[in-house]
Amino acid sequence: MNEFNESENSCAEDLDISEYGILPEICETIVSTGFETPNAAPIGIIRKNGKAFVRIFKGSQTGENVFNEGFLVANVVYDPLLLVRSTFSDLELSEFDFVDVDGHRLPILKAALSWVAFRCINQKDTGQAVVADLIPLKAGFREKNRKIIPGPNRGFNAVLEATVHATRYQLTGEEKYADWIRHYEGLVRKCGGQKEKKAMELLYEVLGFE
């Protein structure tokens, strides 16, 4: 049984996803997918001109699940270690809860402050990515965290930026991305807490940096 308080509506107009942290432009979330085997990865939810959509690189498990199953859950998370772990490794089954959405059992992250489940429609293959429009179906939040709004944290944001550059570094091997990662590591040392520093240590370990 999950610990979330849920709100369910039949169409996007009835469900204000801003209330659950999915704000206009690009909102960085950890997306969970997979009816049978849950998967999680950092993905930006894009909101422009009154519509929400997602762009997921081909070849990823998240992209495959979205293409085959047509659903995803956007989890709002402020845990830097979880951000790095979900980027470079599979999370444990024990880190997920499940909710029923349109007759399907969708995974949500136990660590999420809030989440929004979407149906993925109008899917397009651009060659490099899968693009899909998003229709919000159900949303939830942890009741104890409903009134807790995390303030801006330069250390967390630096981990986020470093993680993005780490994925690009792994794909291309270009040294400019390594330089950016080291730049943000310095910012984490100055502004981050223990979780942010541990997240950067894990990122360095994954990349083989010293």
Protein backbone atom coordinates (compact mmCIF):
# COMPACT_ATOMS: atom_id res chain seq x y z
CA MET A 1 0.00 0.00 0.00
CA ASN A 2 1.52 3.34 -1.00
CA GLU A 3 1.78 6.35 1.31
CA PHE A 4 0.61 8.98 -1.14
CA ASN A 5 -2.54 11.06 -1.15
CA GLU A 6 -3.88 10.91 -4.72
CA SER A 7 -5.94 13.17 -6.94
CA GLU A 8 -7.51 11.74 -10.10
CA ASN A 9 -9.09 13.50 -13.08
CA SER A 10 -10.12 12.42 -16.55
CA CYS A 11 -8.43 15.13 -18.61
CA ALA A 12 -5.57 17.60 -18.56
CA GLU A 13 -7.85 20.59 -18.08
CA ASP A 14 -9.07 19.21 -14.74
CA LEU A 15 -5.68 18.43 -13.25
CA ASP A 16 -3.33 21.33 -12.52
CA ILE A 17 0.07 19.64 -12.60
CA SER A 18 1.73 22.86 -11.41
CA GLU A 19 0.32 22.07 -7.96
CA TYR A 20 2.45 18.93 -7.99
CA GLY A 21 5.67 20.66 -9.02
CA ILE A 22 5.54 20.15 -12.80
CA LEU A 23 6.06 23.78 -13.79
CA PRO A 24 6.17 25.46 -17.25
CA GLU A 25 9.17 25.23 -19.60
CA ILE A 26 11.41 22.27 -18.62
CA CYS A 27 10.92 20.61 -15.24
CA GLU A 28 13.64 18.15 -14.27
CA THR A 29 12.11 14.98 -12.83
CA ILE A 30 12.93 11.32 -12.39
CA VAL A 31 10.60 9.42 -14.70
CA SER A 32 9.50 5.92 -13.73
CA THR A 33 8.05 3.42 -16.21
CA GLY A 34 7.45 -0.31 -16.60
CA PHE A 35 4.33 -2.31 -15.74
CA GLU A 36 6.25 -5.43 -14.74
CA THR A 37 9.82 -4.31 -14.08
CA PRO A 38 10.06 -0.69 -12.86
CA ASN A 39 12.71 1.57 -14.30
CA ALA A 40 13.71 5.13 -13.38
CA ALA A 41 15.79 7.78 -15.12
CA PRO A 42 16.13 11.58 -15.00
CA ILE A 43 13.96 13.10 -17.74
CA GLY A 44 12.77 16.67 -18.31
CA ILE A 45 9.03 17.22 -18.65
CA ILE A 46 8.52 20.04 -21.19
CA ARG A 47 5.55 22.40 -20.94
CA LYS A 48 5.03 24.94 -23.70
CA ASN A 49 1.97 26.62 -25.23
CA GLY A 50 -0.35 24.90 -22.79
CA LYS A 51 0.87 21.39 -23.66
CA ALA A 52 3.18 18.91 -21.97
CA PHE A 53 5.50 16.58 -23.83
CA VAL A 54 8.65 14.55 -23.37
CA ARG A 55 11.72 13.81 -25.46
CA ILE A 56 13.55 10.58 -24.58
CA PHE A 57 16.71 9.31 -26.26
CA LYS A 58 16.30 6.07 -28.19
CA GLY A 59 18.03 3.01 -26.85
CA SER A 60 17.11 3.74 -23.24
CA GLN A 61 14.84 1.47 -21.20
CA THR A 62 12.62 4.47 -20.45
CA GLY A 63 12.19 5.18 -24.16
CA GLU A 64 11.39 1.54 -24.87
CA ASN A 65 8.80 1.41 -22.08
CA VAL A 66 7.13 4.63 -23.24
CA PHE A 67 7.01 3.38 -26.83
CA ASN A 68 5.62 -0.06 -25.87
CA GLU A 69 3.36 0.79 -22.91
CA GLY A 70 2.32 4.41 -23.44
CA PHE A 71 2.56 5.58 -19.81
CA LEU A 72 5.08 7.30 -17.56
CA VAL A 73 5.20 8.83 -14.09
CA ALA A 74 7.11 12.07 -13.46
CA ASN A 75 8.50 12.08 -9.90
CA VAL A 76 9.55 15.36 -8.27
CA VAL A 77 12.66 14.47 -6.26
CA TYR A 78 15.24 16.52 -4.37
CA ASP A 79 17.66 13.70 -3.55
CA PRO A 80 21.01 14.18 -5.32
CA LEU A 81 22.18 10.62 -4.66
CA LEU A 82 19.01 9.22 -6.19
CA LEU A 83 19.51 11.50 -9.18
CA VAL A 84 22.98 10.08 -9.87
CA ARG A 85 22.03 6.48 -9.07
CA SER A 86 19.00 6.51 -11.37
CA THR A 87 21.16 7.91 -14.18
CA PHE A 88 23.85 5.24 -14.10
CA SER A 89 22.31 2.17 -12.45
CA ASP A 90 19.02 0.36 -11.83
CA LEU A 91 17.16 1.16 -8.62
CA GLU A 92 16.00 -1.58 -6.26
CA LEU A 93 12.40 -2.79 -6.46
CA SER A 94 12.01 -1.80 -2.80
CA GLU A 95 12.45 1.86 -3.81
CA PHE A 96 9.15 1.87 -5.72
CA ASP A 97 5.49 1.95 -4.78
CA PHE A 98 2.73 1.22 -7.30
CA VAL A 99 -0.51 3.00 -8.14
CA ASP A 100 -3.41 1.95 -10.34
CA VAL A 101 -3.85 4.23 -13.34
CA ASP A 102 -6.40 3.39 -16.03
CA GLY A 103 -6.21 -0.28 -15.10
CA HIS A 104 -2.42 -0.38 -15.19
CA ARG A 105 0.00 -0.76 -12.29
CA LEU A 106 2.47 2.13 -12.58
CA PRO A 107 5.63 2.54 -10.48
CA ILE A 108 6.27 5.67 -8.43
CA LEU A 109 9.34 6.50 -6.38
CA LYS A 110 8.97 6.28 -2.61
CA ALA A 111 11.41 9.19 -2.31
CA ALA A 112 9.27 11.51 -4.46
CA LEU A 113 7.77 14.61 -2.88
CA SER A 114 5.03 14.41 -5.52
CA TRP A 115 4.29 12.65 -8.79
CA VAL A 116 2.13 12.91 -11.87
CA ALA A 117 1.13 9.94 -14.04
CA PHE A 118 0.76 10.61 -17.77
CA ARG A 119 -0.55 8.81 -20.80
CA CYS A 120 1.87 9.19 -23.73
CA ILE A 121 0.16 9.90 -27.06
CA ASN A 122 1.12 11.00 -30.59
CA GLN A 123 4.45 9.26 -30.27
CA LYS A 124 7.03 10.14 -32.90
CA ASP A 125 10.40 8.63 -33.72
CA THR A 126 12.81 11.43 -34.65
CA GLY A 127 15.68 9.04 -35.30
CA GLN A 128 17.54 10.01 -32.15
CA ALA A 129 14.66 10.27 -29.72
CA VAL A 130 11.10 9.28 -28.96
CA VAL A 131 8.83 12.32 -28.59
CA ALA A 132 5.37 12.00 -27.06
CA ASP A 133 2.62 14.34 -25.92
CA LEU A 134 1.59 13.87 -22.30
CA ILE A 135 -1.94 13.72 -20.88
CA PRO A 136 -2.03 13.88 -17.05
CA LEU A 137 -4.25 11.21 -15.50
CA LYS A 138 -3.49 11.08 -11.79
CA ALA A 139 -1.23 12.90 -9.32
CA GLY A 140 -0.17 12.49 -5.73
CA PHE A 141 2.00 13.83 -2.95
CA ARG A 142 3.23 12.70 0.41
CA GLU A 143 0.86 14.32 2.87
CA LYS A 144 3.63 15.08 5.36
CA ASN A 145 5.57 16.94 2.64
CA ARG A 146 2.63 18.78 1.09
CA LYS A 147 3.53 22.13 2.67
CA ILE A 148 7.29 21.68 2.45
CA ILE A 149 8.62 23.59 -0.55
CA PRO A 150 12.38 23.01 -0.96
CA GLY A 151 14.29 26.23 -1.40
CA PRO A 152 16.80 26.71 -4.21
CA ASN A 153 20.04 24.88 -3.48
CA ARG A 154 23.09 25.63 -5.61
CA GLY A 155 24.71 22.38 -4.53
CA PHE A 156 21.77 20.26 -5.72
CA ASN A 157 21.53 22.21 -8.97
CA ALA A 158 25.26 21.70 -9.51
CA VAL A 159 24.85 17.93 -9.10
CA LEU A 160 22.00 18.05 -11.62
CA GLU A 161 24.13 19.92 -14.18
CA ALA A 162 27.14 17.68 -13.57
CA THR A 163 25.00 14.58 -14.10
CA VAL A 164 23.70 15.89 -17.43
CA HIS A 165 27.27 16.60 -18.57
CA ALA A 166 28.32 13.13 -17.33
CA THR A 167 25.85 11.45 -19.68
CA ARG A 168 27.20 13.54 -22.56
CA TYR A 169 30.78 12.72 -21.57
CA GLN A 170 29.99 9.00 -21.62
CA LEU A 171 28.41 9.30 -25.06
CA THR A 172 31.09 11.45 -26.70
CA GLY A 173 34.23 11.31 -24.58
CA GLU A 174 34.72 15.02 -25.24
CA GLU A 175 36.95 16.65 -22.65
CA LYS A 176 34.84 19.81 -22.49
CA TYR A 177 32.19 17.85 -20.59
CA ALA A 178 34.77 16.60 -18.12
CA ASP A 179 35.82 20.20 -17.54
CA TRP A 180 32.22 21.20 -16.83
CA ILE A 181 31.79 18.29 -14.41
CA ARG A 182 34.87 19.37 -12.47
CA HIS A 183 33.61 22.95 -12.45
CA TYR A 184 30.32 21.89 -10.85
CA GLU A 185 32.14 19.61 -8.42
CA GLY A 186 33.88 22.71 -7.08
CA LEU A 187 30.52 24.39 -6.62
CA VAL A 188 29.20 21.36 -4.75
CA ARG A 189 32.17 21.50 -2.37
CA LYS A 190 31.40 25.15 -1.62
CA CYS A 191 27.60 25.12 -1.49
CA GLY A 192 26.40 21.53 -1.16
CA GLY A 193 25.52 19.47 1.89
CA GLN A 194 26.64 15.94 2.68
CA LYS A 195 24.18 14.34 0.26
CA GLU A 196 25.33 16.54 -2.61
CA LYS A 197 28.98 15.78 -1.84
CA LYS A 198 28.32 12.04 -1.68
CA ALA A 199 26.46 12.28 -4.98
CA MET A 200 29.49 13.93 -6.63
CA GLU A 201 31.78 11.26 -5.16
CA LEU A 202 29.55 8.60 -6.72
CA LEU A 203 29.55 10.46 -10.05
CA TYR A 204 33.34 10.64 -10.02
CA GLU A 205 33.48 6.93 -9.21
CA VAL A 206 31.19 6.05 -12.11
CA LEU A 207 33.26 8.12 -14.53
CA GLY A 208 36.63 6.99 -13.16
CA PHE A 209 37.64 10.55 -12.23
CA GLU A 210 40.06 11.30 -9.41
